[in-house]
Structure formats: structure tokens, C-alpha cells
Amino acid sequence: QVQLVESGGGLAQAGGSLRLSCAASGISSMLIMGWYRQAPGQQRELVASITSSGVTNYAVSVKGRFTISRDNAKNTVYLQMNSLKPEDTAVYYCKSWGFSVYWGQGTQVTVSS
């Protein structure tokens, strides 16, 4: 069974931190793992991605504040979010690229001003 399960979302104050986790199961050849987010009425956008060799990519809006990492032994990808801003409020989705593309169901992140 293929699963991408996100956790770690919640409510934070501006300037605070959260760490998101995405645990993958039943998936092989995960060449790239990434995080997207979608705010109400907005398009879904790429936040960060990481290749199997550790090469990372970030959206300009989060660069320097967010850090993506992966633990291949645990089949898990993380998103450490620091210096949170109200505009970071969105549903965050985990995505896996490999032989196929898979999406998680999303986790809500809310940042109050």
C-alpha cells in the first residue's frame, strides 16, 4: 500500500517554528521528495524539494527560513520552518517523485500575527 502521511502541522505565532514530517511507505525510487503548500484561493506552489543525493531547492519566499531534509533509512522527509510569518499559513502537502508521483493528504499550518 502506498502512503505519504504528513504530521507536525498546527498553530504558531509569527516568529515561531514548526517541523513537518512526511513518512513514506510502499514507495520505491523516490528520486525527489518535496513540500508544496496551498492557501485558500491560491494556486498550489512548491516550497522545497530534495533529491536522493541531498540537493535542495527552495522557493524564494522561504529561503533562509525553511530547511528540508530526508532520512532515507526511515523513509521520511522533514520541513523545519523557522521565523514563521502569517503568509506561511496554508495546507502543506508532501510529494514524491519516482517511477510514479504520489501526494500526501496535507497538514494545516496556521500562523497568527
PDB file of N, CA and C in Angstrom:
ATOM      1  N   GLN A   1       0.843  -1.186   0.000  1.00  0.00           N
ATOM      2  CA  GLN A   1       0.000   0.000   0.000  1.00  0.00           C
ATOM      3  C   GLN A   1       0.884   1.243   0.000  1.00  0.00           C
ATOM      4  N   VAL A   2       0.584   2.170  -0.879  1.00  0.00           N
ATOM      5  CA  VAL A   2       1.343   3.406  -0.999  1.00  0.00           C
ATOM      6  C   VAL A   2       0.752   4.452  -0.067  1.00  0.00           C
ATOM      7  N   GLN A   3       1.599   5.050   0.753  1.00  0.00           N
ATOM      8  CA  GLN A   3       1.159   6.094   1.664  1.00  0.00           C
ATOM      9  C   GLN A   3       2.215   7.169   1.833  1.00  0.00           C
ATOM     10  N   LEU A   4       1.793   8.417   1.846  1.00  0.00           N
ATOM     11  CA  LEU A   4       2.582   9.547   2.292  1.00  0.00           C
ATOM     12  C   LEU A   4       1.764  10.221   3.386  1.00  0.00           C
ATOM     13  N   VAL A   5       2.250  10.172   4.611  1.00  0.00           N
ATOM     14  CA  VAL A   5       1.497  10.667   5.751  1.00  0.00           C
ATOM     15  C   VAL A   5       2.231  11.835   6.384  1.00  0.00           C
ATOM     16  N   GLU A   6       1.609  13.019   6.337  1.00  0.00           N
ATOM     17  CA  GLU A   6       2.189  14.219   6.920  1.00  0.00           C
ATOM     18  C   GLU A   6       1.773  14.356   8.379  1.00  0.00           C
ATOM     19  N   SER A   7       2.640  14.985   9.161  1.00  0.00           N
ATOM     20  CA  SER A   7       2.332  15.294  10.544  1.00  0.00           C
ATOM     21  C   SER A   7       3.139  16.516  10.965  1.00  0.00           C
ATOM     22  N   GLY A   8       2.787  17.094  12.097  1.00  0.00           N
ATOM     23  CA  GLY A   8       3.532  18.215  12.647  1.00  0.00           C
ATOM     24  C   GLY A   8       2.925  19.576  12.411  1.00  0.00           C
ATOM     25  N   GLY A   9       1.842  19.636  11.652  1.00  0.00           N
ATOM     26  CA  GLY A   9       1.184  20.908  11.441  1.00  0.00           C
ATOM     27  C   GLY A   9       0.491  21.388  12.700  1.00  0.00           C
ATOM     28  N   GLY A  10       0.056  22.631  12.677  1.00  0.00           N
ATOM     29  CA  GLY A  10      -0.614  23.195  13.830  1.00  0.00           C
ATOM     30  C   GLY A  10      -0.616  24.697  13.779  1.00  0.00           C
ATOM     31  N   LEU A  11      -0.736  25.303  14.943  1.00  0.00           N
ATOM     32  CA  LEU A  11      -0.826  26.752  15.079  1.00  0.00           C
ATOM     33  C   LEU A  11       0.446  27.284  15.718  1.00  0.00           C
ATOM     34  N   ALA A  12       0.975  28.350  15.147  1.00  0.00           N
ATOM     35  CA  ALA A  12       2.154  29.004  15.696  1.00  0.00           C
ATOM     36  C   ALA A  12       1.988  30.508  15.606  1.00  0.00           C
ATOM     37  N   GLN A  13       2.694  31.222  16.454  1.00  0.00           N
ATOM     38  CA  GLN A  13       2.732  32.676  16.376  1.00  0.00           C
ATOM     39  C   GLN A  13       3.797  33.121  15.393  1.00  0.00           C
ATOM     40  N   ALA A  14       3.615  34.306  14.849  1.00  0.00           N
ATOM     41  CA  ALA A  14       4.634  34.871  13.972  1.00  0.00           C
ATOM     42  C   ALA A  14       5.985  34.873  14.677  1.00  0.00           C
ATOM     43  N   GLY A  15       7.009  34.426  13.962  1.00  0.00           N
ATOM     44  CA  GLY A  15       8.336  34.309  14.534  1.00  0.00           C
ATOM     45  C   GLY A  15       8.630  32.955  15.146  1.00  0.00           C
ATOM     46  N   GLY A  16       7.612  32.113  15.269  1.00  0.00           N
ATOM     47  CA  GLY A  16       7.777  30.798  15.860  1.00  0.00           C
ATOM     48  C   GLY A  16       8.251  29.766  14.862  1.00  0.00           C
ATOM     49  N   SER A  17       8.256  28.508  15.309  1.00  0.00           N
ATOM     50  CA  SER A  17       8.767  27.409  14.492  1.00  0.00           C
ATOM     51  C   SER A  17       7.846  26.201  14.543  1.00  0.00           C
ATOM     52  N   LEU A  18       7.857  25.440  13.470  1.00  0.00           N
ATOM     53  CA  LEU A  18       7.195  24.151  13.388  1.00  0.00           C
ATOM     54  C   LEU A  18       8.063  23.226  12.556  1.00  0.00           C
ATOM     55  N   ARG A  19       7.947  21.923  12.794  1.00  0.00           N
ATOM     56  CA  ARG A  19       8.614  20.942  11.960  1.00  0.00           C
ATOM     57  C   ARG A  19       7.596  19.957  11.413  1.00  0.00           C
ATOM     58  N   LEU A  20       7.525  19.863  10.103  1.00  0.00           N
ATOM     59  CA  LEU A  20       6.649  18.922   9.442  1.00  0.00           C
ATOM     60  C   LEU A  20       7.403  17.644   9.103  1.00  0.00           C
ATOM     61  N   SER A  21       6.708  16.524   9.175  1.00  0.00           N
ATOM     62  CA  SER A  21       7.275  15.237   8.806  1.00  0.00           C
ATOM     63  C   SER A  21       6.385  14.572   7.775  1.00  0.00           C
ATOM     64  N   CYS A  22       6.995  13.828   6.883  1.00  0.00           N
ATOM     65  CA  CYS A  22       6.266  13.055   5.885  1.00  0.00           C
ATOM     66  C   CYS A  22       6.872  11.664   5.846  1.00  0.00           C
ATOM     67  N   ALA A  23       6.115  10.686   6.292  1.00  0.00           N
ATOM     68  CA  ALA A  23       6.569   9.305   6.324  1.00  0.00           C
ATOM     69  C   ALA A  23       6.016   8.556   5.124  1.00  0.00           C
ATOM     70  N   ALA A  24       6.900   7.956   4.354  1.00  0.00           N
ATOM     71  CA  ALA A  24       6.517   7.232   3.147  1.00  0.00           C
ATOM     72  C   ALA A  24       6.573   5.731   3.385  1.00  0.00           C
ATOM     73  N   SER A  25       5.626   5.025   2.811  1.00  0.00           N
ATOM     74  CA  SER A  25       5.619   3.572   2.864  1.00  0.00           C
ATOM     75  C   SER A  25       5.087   3.023   1.549  1.00  0.00           C
ATOM     76  N   GLY A  26       5.596   1.859   1.155  1.00  0.00           N
ATOM     77  CA  GLY A  26       5.147   1.225  -0.069  1.00  0.00           C
ATOM     78  C   GLY A  26       5.580   1.932  -1.332  1.00  0.00           C
ATOM     79  N   ILE A  27       6.596   2.786  -1.234  1.00  0.00           N
ATOM     80  CA  ILE A  27       7.072   3.561  -2.376  1.00  0.00           C
ATOM     81  C   ILE A  27       8.563   3.309  -2.577  1.00  0.00           C
ATOM     82  N   SER A  28       8.949   3.032  -3.798  1.00  0.00           N
ATOM     83  CA  SER A  28      10.353   2.868  -4.144  1.00  0.00           C
ATOM     84  C   SER A  28      10.750   3.929  -5.160  1.00  0.00           C
ATOM     85  N   SER A  29      12.054   4.062  -5.368  1.00  0.00           N
ATOM     86  CA  SER A  29      12.608   5.008  -6.342  1.00  0.00           C
ATOM     87  C   SER A  29      12.110   6.431  -6.106  1.00  0.00           C
ATOM     88  N   MET A  30      12.237   6.900  -4.858  1.00  0.00           N
ATOM     89  CA  MET A  30      11.859   8.262  -4.510  1.00  0.00           C
ATOM     90  C   MET A  30      13.021   9.191  -4.826  1.00  0.00           C
ATOM     91  N   LEU A  31      13.167   9.512  -6.099  1.00  0.00           N
ATOM     92  CA  LEU A  31      14.294  10.333  -6.531  1.00  0.00           C
ATOM     93  C   LEU A  31      14.246  11.728  -5.916  1.00  0.00           C
ATOM     94  N   ILE A  32      13.061  12.284  -5.846  1.00  0.00           N
ATOM     95  CA  ILE A  32      12.876  13.612  -5.272  1.00  0.00           C
ATOM     96  C   ILE A  32      11.702  13.589  -4.305  1.00  0.00           C
ATOM     97  N   MET A  33      11.872  14.220  -3.159  1.00  0.00           N
ATOM     98  CA  MET A  33      10.799  14.446  -2.210  1.00  0.00           C
ATOM     99  C   MET A  33      10.638  15.950  -2.039  1.00  0.00           C
ATOM    100  N   GLY A  34       9.417  16.391  -1.856  1.00  0.00           N
ATOM    101  CA  GLY A  34       9.210  17.819  -1.735  1.00  0.00           C
ATOM    102  C   GLY A  34       7.978  18.187  -0.947  1.00  0.00           C
ATOM    103  N   TRP A  35       7.894  19.465  -0.663  1.00  0.00           N
ATOM    104  CA  TRP A  35       6.748  20.042   0.036  1.00  0.00           C
ATOM    105  C   TRP A  35       6.129  21.135  -0.819  1.00  0.00           C
ATOM    106  N   TYR A  36       4.826  21.090  -0.954  1.00  0.00           N
ATOM    107  CA  TYR A  36       4.042  22.138  -1.587  1.00  0.00           C
ATOM    108  C   TYR A  36       3.102  22.733  -0.547  1.00  0.00           C
ATOM    109  N   ARG A  37       2.567  23.897  -0.849  1.00  0.00           N
ATOM    110  CA  ARG A  37       1.557  24.474   0.026  1.00  0.00           C
ATOM    111  C   ARG A  37       0.492  25.179  -0.809  1.00  0.00           C
ATOM    112  N   GLN A  38      -0.696  25.262  -0.231  1.00  0.00           N
ATOM    113  CA  GLN A  38      -1.808  25.912  -0.905  1.00  0.00           C
ATOM    114  C   GLN A  38      -2.644  26.670   0.111  1.00  0.00           C
ATOM    115  N   ALA A  39      -2.713  27.975  -0.062  1.00  0.00           N
ATOM    116  CA  ALA A  39      -3.556  28.825   0.763  1.00  0.00           C
ATOM    117  C   ALA A  39      -4.925  28.943   0.105  1.00  0.00           C
ATOM    118  N   PRO A  40      -5.961  29.266   0.881  1.00  0.00           N
ATOM    119  CA  PRO A  40      -7.298  29.408   0.306  1.00  0.00           C
ATOM    120  C   PRO A  40      -7.328  30.403  -0.855  1.00  0.00           C
ATOM    121  N   GLY A  41      -7.905  29.990  -1.974  1.00  0.00           N
ATOM    122  CA  GLY A  41      -7.998  30.850  -3.140  1.00  0.00           C
ATOM    123  C   GLY A  41      -6.719  31.013  -3.924  1.00  0.00           C
ATOM    124  N   GLN A  42      -5.664  30.295  -3.545  1.00  0.00           N
ATOM    125  CA  GLN A  42      -4.375  30.418  -4.203  1.00  0.00           C
ATOM    126  C   GLN A  42      -4.001  29.131  -4.933  1.00  0.00           C
ATOM    127  N   GLN A  43      -3.063  29.250  -5.867  1.00  0.00           N
ATOM    128  CA  GLN A  43      -2.512  28.090  -6.552  1.00  0.00           C
ATOM    129  C   GLN A  43      -1.573  27.334  -5.623  1.00  0.00           C
ATOM    130  N   ARG A  44      -1.480  26.038  -5.816  1.00  0.00           N
ATOM    131  CA  ARG A  44      -0.521  25.245  -5.068  1.00  0.00           C
ATOM    132  C   ARG A  44       0.885  25.576  -5.568  1.00  0.00           C
ATOM    133  N   GLU A  45       1.811  25.795  -4.637  1.00  0.00           N
ATOM    134  CA  GLU A  45       3.152  26.196  -5.008  1.00  0.00           C
ATOM    135  C   GLU A  45       4.192  25.317  -4.337  1.00  0.00           C
ATOM    136  N   LEU A  46       5.315  25.143  -5.026  1.00  0.00           N
ATOM    137  CA  LEU A  46       6.434  24.385  -4.475  1.00  0.00           C
ATOM    138  C   LEU A  46       7.114  25.206  -3.386  1.00  0.00           C
ATOM    139  N   VAL A  47       7.321  24.585  -2.239  1.00  0.00           N
ATOM    140  CA  VAL A  47       8.019  25.222  -1.129  1.00  0.00           C
ATOM    141  C   VAL A  47       9.485  24.813  -1.114  1.00  0.00           C
ATOM    142  N   ALA A  48       9.732  23.513  -1.178  1.00  0.00           N
ATOM    143  CA  ALA A  48      11.094  22.998  -1.131  1.00  0.00           C
ATOM    144  C   ALA A  48      11.121  21.580  -1.666  1.00  0.00           C
ATOM    145  N   SER A  49      12.264  21.160  -2.176  1.00  0.00           N
ATOM    146  CA  SER A  49      12.447  19.793  -2.648  1.00  0.00           C
ATOM    147  C   SER A  49      13.855  19.335  -2.336  1.00  0.00           C
ATOM    148  N   ILE A  50      14.035  18.027  -2.323  1.00  0.00           N
ATOM    149  CA  ILE A  50      15.347  17.451  -2.055  1.00  0.00           C
ATOM    150  C   ILE A  50      15.492  16.164  -2.851  1.00  0.00           C
ATOM    151  N   THR A  51      16.640  15.983  -3.501  1.00  0.00           N
ATOM    152  CA  THR A  51      16.901  14.786  -4.284  1.00  0.00           C
ATOM    153  C   THR A  51      17.433  13.678  -3.389  1.00  0.00           C
ATOM    154  N   SER A  52      17.562  12.491  -3.962  1.00  0.00           N
ATOM    155  CA  SER A  52      18.076  11.355  -3.212  1.00  0.00           C
ATOM    156  C   SER A  52      19.514  11.565  -2.763  1.00  0.00           C
ATOM    157  N   SER A  53      20.244  12.436  -3.460  1.00  0.00           N
ATOM    158  CA  SER A  53      21.620  12.730  -3.098  1.00  0.00           C
ATOM    159  C   SER A  53      21.762  13.959  -2.204  1.00  0.00           C
ATOM    160  N   GLY A  54      20.633  14.583  -1.855  1.00  0.00           N
ATOM    161  CA  GLY A  54      20.667  15.683  -0.914  1.00  0.00           C
ATOM    162  C   GLY A  54      20.686  17.077  -1.512  1.00  0.00           C
ATOM    163  N   VAL A  55      20.518  17.205  -2.817  1.00  0.00           N
ATOM    164  CA  VAL A  55      20.467  18.521  -3.444  1.00  0.00           C
ATOM    165  C   VAL A  55      19.113  19.153  -3.166  1.00  0.00           C
ATOM    166  N   THR A  56      19.108  20.378  -2.659  1.00  0.00           N
ATOM    167  CA  THR A  56      17.879  21.043  -2.242  1.00  0.00           C
ATOM    168  C   THR A  56      17.522  22.213  -3.137  1.00  0.00           C
ATOM    169  N   ASN A  57      16.241  22.557  -3.130  1.00  0.00           N
ATOM    170  CA  ASN A  57      15.720  23.701  -3.860  1.00  0.00           C
ATOM    171  C   ASN A  57      14.632  24.333  -3.012  1.00  0.00           C
ATOM    172  N   TYR A  58      14.594  25.680  -2.976  1.00  0.00           N
ATOM    173  CA  TYR A  58      13.631  26.394  -2.153  1.00  0.00           C
ATOM    174  C   TYR A  58      12.948  27.501  -2.926  1.00  0.00           C
ATOM    175  N   ALA A  59      11.702  27.749  -2.574  1.00  0.00           N
ATOM    176  CA  ALA A  59      11.030  28.933  -3.065  1.00  0.00           C
ATOM    177  C   ALA A  59      11.704  30.165  -2.469  1.00  0.00           C
ATOM    178  N   VAL A  60      11.751  31.239  -3.235  1.00  0.00           N
ATOM    179  CA  VAL A  60      12.387  32.463  -2.767  1.00  0.00           C
ATOM    180  C   VAL A  60      11.756  32.947  -1.465  1.00  0.00           C
ATOM    181  N   SER A  61      10.456  32.781  -1.330  1.00  0.00           N
ATOM    182  CA  SER A  61       9.735  33.285  -0.170  1.00  0.00           C
ATOM    183  C   SER A  61      10.117  32.600   1.140  1.00  0.00           C
ATOM    184  N   VAL A  62      10.702  31.404   1.073  1.00  0.00           N
ATOM    185  CA  VAL A  62      11.044  30.670   2.292  1.00  0.00           C
ATOM    186  C   VAL A  62      12.543  30.460   2.457  1.00  0.00           C
ATOM    187  N   LYS A  63      13.323  30.825   1.464  1.00  0.00           N
ATOM    188  CA  LYS A  63      14.761  30.595   1.509  1.00  0.00           C
ATOM    189  C   LYS A  63      15.378  31.320   2.703  1.00  0.00           C
ATOM    190  N   GLY A  64      16.185  30.595   3.455  1.00  0.00           N
ATOM    191  CA  GLY A  64      16.799  31.143   4.649  1.00  0.00           C
ATOM    192  C   GLY A  64      15.991  30.935   5.908  1.00  0.00           C
ATOM    193  N   ARG A  65      14.724  30.582   5.773  1.00  0.00           N
ATOM    194  CA  ARG A  65      13.854  30.348   6.927  1.00  0.00           C
ATOM    195  C   ARG A  65      13.488  28.876   7.086  1.00  0.00           C
ATOM    196  N   PHE A  66      13.289  28.185   5.971  1.00  0.00           N
ATOM    197  CA  PHE A  66      12.883  26.776   5.985  1.00  0.00           C
ATOM    198  C   PHE A  66      14.054  25.892   5.574  1.00  0.00           C
ATOM    199  N   THR A  67      14.088  24.680   6.104  1.00  0.00           N
ATOM    200  CA  THR A  67      15.103  23.705   5.744  1.00  0.00           C
ATOM    201  C   THR A  67      14.450  22.357   5.491  1.00  0.00           C
ATOM    202  N   ILE A  68      14.704  21.788   4.319  1.00  0.00           N
ATOM    203  CA  ILE A  68      14.196  20.459   4.000  1.00  0.00           C
ATOM    204  C   ILE A  68      15.317  19.446   4.192  1.00  0.00           C
ATOM    205  N   SER A  69      14.971  18.281   4.700  1.00  0.00           N
ATOM    206  CA  SER A  69      15.936  17.213   4.880  1.00  0.00           C
ATOM    207  C   SER A  69      15.233  15.879   4.719  1.00  0.00           C
ATOM    208  N   ARG A  70      16.010  14.823   4.539  1.00  0.00           N
ATOM    209  CA  ARG A  70      15.416  13.495   4.413  1.00  0.00           C
ATOM    210  C   ARG A  70      16.276  12.465   5.118  1.00  0.00           C
ATOM    211  N   ASP A  71      15.627  11.466   5.641  1.00  0.00           N
ATOM    212  CA  ASP A  71      16.276  10.337   6.277  1.00  0.00           C
ATOM    213  C   ASP A  71      15.880   9.113   5.467  1.00  0.00           C
ATOM    214  N   ASN A  72      16.767   8.678   4.595  1.00  0.00           N
ATOM    215  CA  ASN A  72      16.444   7.571   3.701  1.00  0.00           C
ATOM    216  C   ASN A  72      16.212   6.263   4.453  1.00  0.00           C
ATOM    217  N   ALA A  73      16.912   6.077   5.567  1.00  0.00           N
ATOM    218  CA  ALA A  73      16.732   4.867   6.360  1.00  0.00           C
ATOM    219  C   ALA A  73      15.330   4.790   6.954  1.00  0.00           C
ATOM    220  N   LYS A  74      14.762   5.948   7.284  1.00  0.00           N
ATOM    221  CA  LYS A  74      13.426   5.999   7.862  1.00  0.00           C
ATOM    222  C   LYS A  74      12.348   6.308   6.835  1.00  0.00           C
ATOM    223  N   ASN A  75      12.753   6.501   5.578  1.00  0.00           N
ATOM    224  CA  ASN A  75      11.810   6.849   4.514  1.00  0.00           C
ATOM    225  C   ASN A  75      10.963   8.064   4.893  1.00  0.00           C
ATOM    226  N   THR A  76      11.626   9.069   5.420  1.00  0.00           N
ATOM    227  CA  THR A  76      10.939  10.247   5.930  1.00  0.00           C
ATOM    228  C   THR A  76      11.606  11.523   5.441  1.00  0.00           C
ATOM    229  N   VAL A  77      10.793  12.507   5.088  1.00  0.00           N
ATOM    230  CA  VAL A  77      11.288  13.824   4.724  1.00  0.00           C
ATOM    231  C   VAL A  77      10.730  14.832   5.718  1.00  0.00           C
ATOM    232  N   TYR A  78      11.527  15.856   6.037  1.00  0.00           N
ATOM    233  CA  TYR A  78      11.156  16.842   7.036  1.00  0.00           C
ATOM    234  C   TYR A  78      11.195  18.243   6.441  1.00  0.00           C
ATOM    235  N   LEU A  79      10.424  19.119   7.032  1.00  0.00           N
ATOM    236  CA  LEU A  79      10.493  20.538   6.708  1.00  0.00           C
ATOM    237  C   LEU A  79      10.541  21.311   8.019  1.00  0.00           C
ATOM    238  N   GLN A  80      11.711  21.850   8.341  1.00  0.00           N
ATOM    239  CA  GLN A  80      11.868  22.690   9.515  1.00  0.00           C
ATOM    240  C   GLN A  80      11.539  24.118   9.122  1.00  0.00           C
ATOM    241  N   MET A  81      10.543  24.701   9.770  1.00  0.00           N
ATOM    242  CA  MET A  81      10.065  26.031   9.437  1.00  0.00           C
ATOM    243  C   MET A  81      10.345  26.967  10.606  1.00  0.00           C
ATOM    244  N   ASN A  82      11.218  27.920  10.391  1.00  0.00           N
ATOM    245  CA  ASN A  82      11.570  28.912  11.395  1.00  0.00           C
ATOM    246  C   ASN A  82      11.135  30.297  10.937  1.00  0.00           C
ATOM    247  N   SER A  83      11.101  31.228  11.878  1.00  0.00           N
ATOM    248  CA  SER A  83      10.722  32.614  11.589  1.00  0.00           C
ATOM    249  C   SER A  83       9.428  32.673  10.789  1.00  0.00           C
ATOM    250  N   LEU A  84       8.434  31.960  11.263  1.00  0.00           N
ATOM    251  CA  LEU A  84       7.170  31.853  10.539  1.00  0.00           C
ATOM    252  C   LEU A  84       6.473  33.204  10.424  1.00  0.00           C
ATOM    253  N   LYS A  85       5.799  33.376   9.294  1.00  0.00           N
ATOM    254  CA  LYS A  85       5.040  34.583   9.003  1.00  0.00           C
ATOM    255  C   LYS A  85       3.586  34.216   8.747  1.00  0.00           C
ATOM    256  N   PRO A  86       2.657  35.147   8.973  1.00  0.00           N
ATOM    257  CA  PRO A  86       1.251  34.851   8.681  1.00  0.00           C
ATOM    258  C   PRO A  86       1.022  34.382   7.246  1.00  0.00           C
ATOM    259  N   GLU A  87       1.795  34.875   6.299  1.00  0.00           N
ATOM    260  CA  GLU A  87       1.642  34.465   4.912  1.00  0.00           C
ATOM    261  C   GLU A  87       2.095  33.032   4.643  1.00  0.00           C
ATOM    262  N   ASP A  88       2.690  32.377   5.643  1.00  0.00           N
ATOM    263  CA  ASP A  88       3.014  30.961   5.527  1.00  0.00           C
ATOM    264  C   ASP A  88       1.805  30.070   5.793  1.00  0.00           C
ATOM    265  N   THR A  89       0.713  30.659   6.243  1.00  0.00           N
ATOM    266  CA  THR A  89      -0.495  29.901   6.529  1.00  0.00           C
ATOM    267  C   THR A  89      -1.005  29.219   5.263  1.00  0.00           C
ATOM    268  N   ALA A  90      -1.163  27.901   5.322  1.00  0.00           N
ATOM    269  CA  ALA A  90      -1.588  27.118   4.165  1.00  0.00           C
ATOM    270  C   ALA A  90      -1.711  25.653   4.580  1.00  0.00           C
ATOM    271  N   VAL A  91      -2.260  24.854   3.684  1.00  0.00           N
ATOM    272  CA  VAL A  91      -2.173  23.410   3.815  1.00  0.00           C
ATOM    273  C   VAL A  91      -0.897  22.974   3.117  1.00  0.00           C
ATOM    274  N   TYR A  92      -0.068  22.221   3.809  1.00  0.00           N
ATOM    275  CA  TYR A  92       1.205  21.764   3.279  1.00  0.00           C
ATOM    276  C   TYR A  92       1.092  20.302   2.867  1.00  0.00           C
ATOM    277  N   TYR A  93       1.540  20.013   1.641  1.00  0.00           N
ATOM    278  CA  TYR A  93       1.432  18.681   1.063  1.00  0.00           C
ATOM    279  C   TYR A  93       2.807  18.095   0.775  1.00  0.00           C
ATOM    280  N   CYS A  94       2.984  16.845   1.095  1.00  0.00           N
ATOM    281  CA  CYS A  94       4.190  16.108   0.758  1.00  0.00           C
ATOM    282  C   CYS A  94       4.026  15.480  -0.629  1.00  0.00           C
ATOM    283  N   LYS A  95       5.102  15.459  -1.403  1.00  0.00           N
ATOM    284  CA  LYS A  95       5.073  14.881  -2.744  1.00  0.00           C
ATOM    285  C   LYS A  95       6.318  14.038  -2.980  1.00  0.00           C
ATOM    286  N   SER A  96       6.137  12.926  -3.661  1.00  0.00           N
ATOM    287  CA  SER A  96       7.226  12.028  -4.003  1.00  0.00           C
ATOM    288  C   SER A  96       7.285  11.838  -5.509  1.00  0.00           C
ATOM    289  N   TRP A  97       8.479  12.007  -6.077  1.00  0.00           N
ATOM    290  CA  TRP A  97       8.727  11.726  -7.491  1.00  0.00           C
ATOM    291  C   TRP A  97       9.582  10.461  -7.595  1.00  0.00           C
ATOM    292  N   GLY A  98       9.207   9.554  -8.461  1.00  0.00           N
ATOM    293  CA  GLY A  98       9.972   8.348  -8.710  1.00  0.00           C
ATOM    294  C   GLY A  98       9.479   7.722  -9.992  1.00  0.00           C
ATOM    295  N   PHE A  99       9.249   6.415  -9.963  1.00  0.00           N
ATOM    296  CA  PHE A  99       8.582   5.786 -11.098  1.00  0.00           C
ATOM    297  C   PHE A  99       7.179   6.358 -11.283  1.00  0.00           C
ATOM    298  N   SER A 100       6.559   6.744 -10.171  1.00  0.00           N
ATOM    299  CA  SER A 100       5.255   7.381 -10.168  1.00  0.00           C
ATOM    300  C   SER A 100       5.312   8.608  -9.268  1.00  0.00           C
ATOM    301  N   VAL A 101       4.254   9.421  -9.322  1.00  0.00           N
ATOM    302  CA  VAL A 101       4.149  10.608  -8.485  1.00  0.00           C
ATOM    303  C   VAL A 101       3.046  10.392  -7.468  1.00  0.00           C
ATOM    304  N   TYR A 102       3.333  10.681  -6.203  1.00  0.00           N
ATOM    305  CA  TYR A 102       2.373  10.497  -5.127  1.00  0.00           C
ATOM    306  C   TYR A 102       2.275  11.758  -4.288  1.00  0.00           C
ATOM    307  N   TRP A 103       1.086  11.981  -3.753  1.00  0.00           N
ATOM    308  CA  TRP A 103       0.807  13.117  -2.879  1.00  0.00           C
ATOM    309  C   TRP A 103       0.285  12.644  -1.531  1.00  0.00           C
ATOM    310  N   GLY A 104       0.671  13.350  -0.480  1.00  0.00           N
ATOM    311  CA  GLY A 104       0.049  13.159   0.804  1.00  0.00           C
ATOM    312  C   GLY A 104      -1.271  13.911   0.873  1.00  0.00           C
ATOM    313  N   GLN A 105      -1.989  13.754   1.970  1.00  0.00           N
ATOM    314  CA  GLN A 105      -3.297  14.383   2.110  1.00  0.00           C
ATOM    315  C   GLN A 105      -3.236  15.797   2.667  1.00  0.00           C
ATOM    316  N   GLY A 106      -2.094  16.205   3.156  1.00  0.00           N
ATOM    317  CA  GLY A 106      -1.908  17.568   3.612  1.00  0.00           C
ATOM    318  C   GLY A 106      -2.026  17.734   5.115  1.00  0.00           C
ATOM    319  N   THR A 107      -1.354  18.751   5.625  1.00  0.00           N
ATOM    320  CA  THR A 107      -1.440  19.113   7.035  1.00  0.00           C
ATOM    321  C   THR A 107      -1.537  20.632   7.137  1.00  0.00           C
ATOM    322  N   GLN A 108      -2.433  21.107   7.981  1.00  0.00           N
ATOM    323  CA  GLN A 108      -2.700  22.537   8.098  1.00  0.00           C
ATOM    324  C   GLN A 108      -1.639  23.222   8.947  1.00  0.00           C
ATOM    325  N   VAL A 109      -1.126  24.330   8.442  1.00  0.00           N
ATOM    326  CA  VAL A 109      -0.234  25.203   9.196  1.00  0.00           C
ATOM    327  C   VAL A 109      -0.884  26.575   9.269  1.00  0.00           C
ATOM    328  N   THR A 110      -1.070  27.076  10.478  1.00  0.00           N
ATOM    329  CA  THR A 110      -1.671  28.386  10.684  1.00  0.00           C
ATOM    330  C   THR A 110      -0.734  29.239  11.521  1.00  0.00           C
ATOM    331  N   VAL A 111      -0.422  30.426  11.031  1.00  0.00           N
ATOM    332  CA  VAL A 111       0.478  31.342  11.722  1.00  0.00           C
ATOM    333  C   VAL A 111      -0.294  32.615  12.042  1.00  0.00           C
ATOM    334  N   SER A 112      -0.389  32.946  13.313  1.00  0.00           N
ATOM    335  CA  SER A 112      -1.114  34.125  13.746  1.00  0.00           C
ATOM    336  C   SER A 112      -0.183  35.326  13.824  1.00  0.00           C
ATOM    337  N   SER A 113      -0.751  36.501  13.596  1.00  0.00           N
ATOM    338  CA  SER A 113       0.035  37.727  13.632  1.00  0.00           C
ATOM    339  C   SER A 113       0.030  38.345  15.016  1.00  0.00           C
TER     340      SER A 113
END
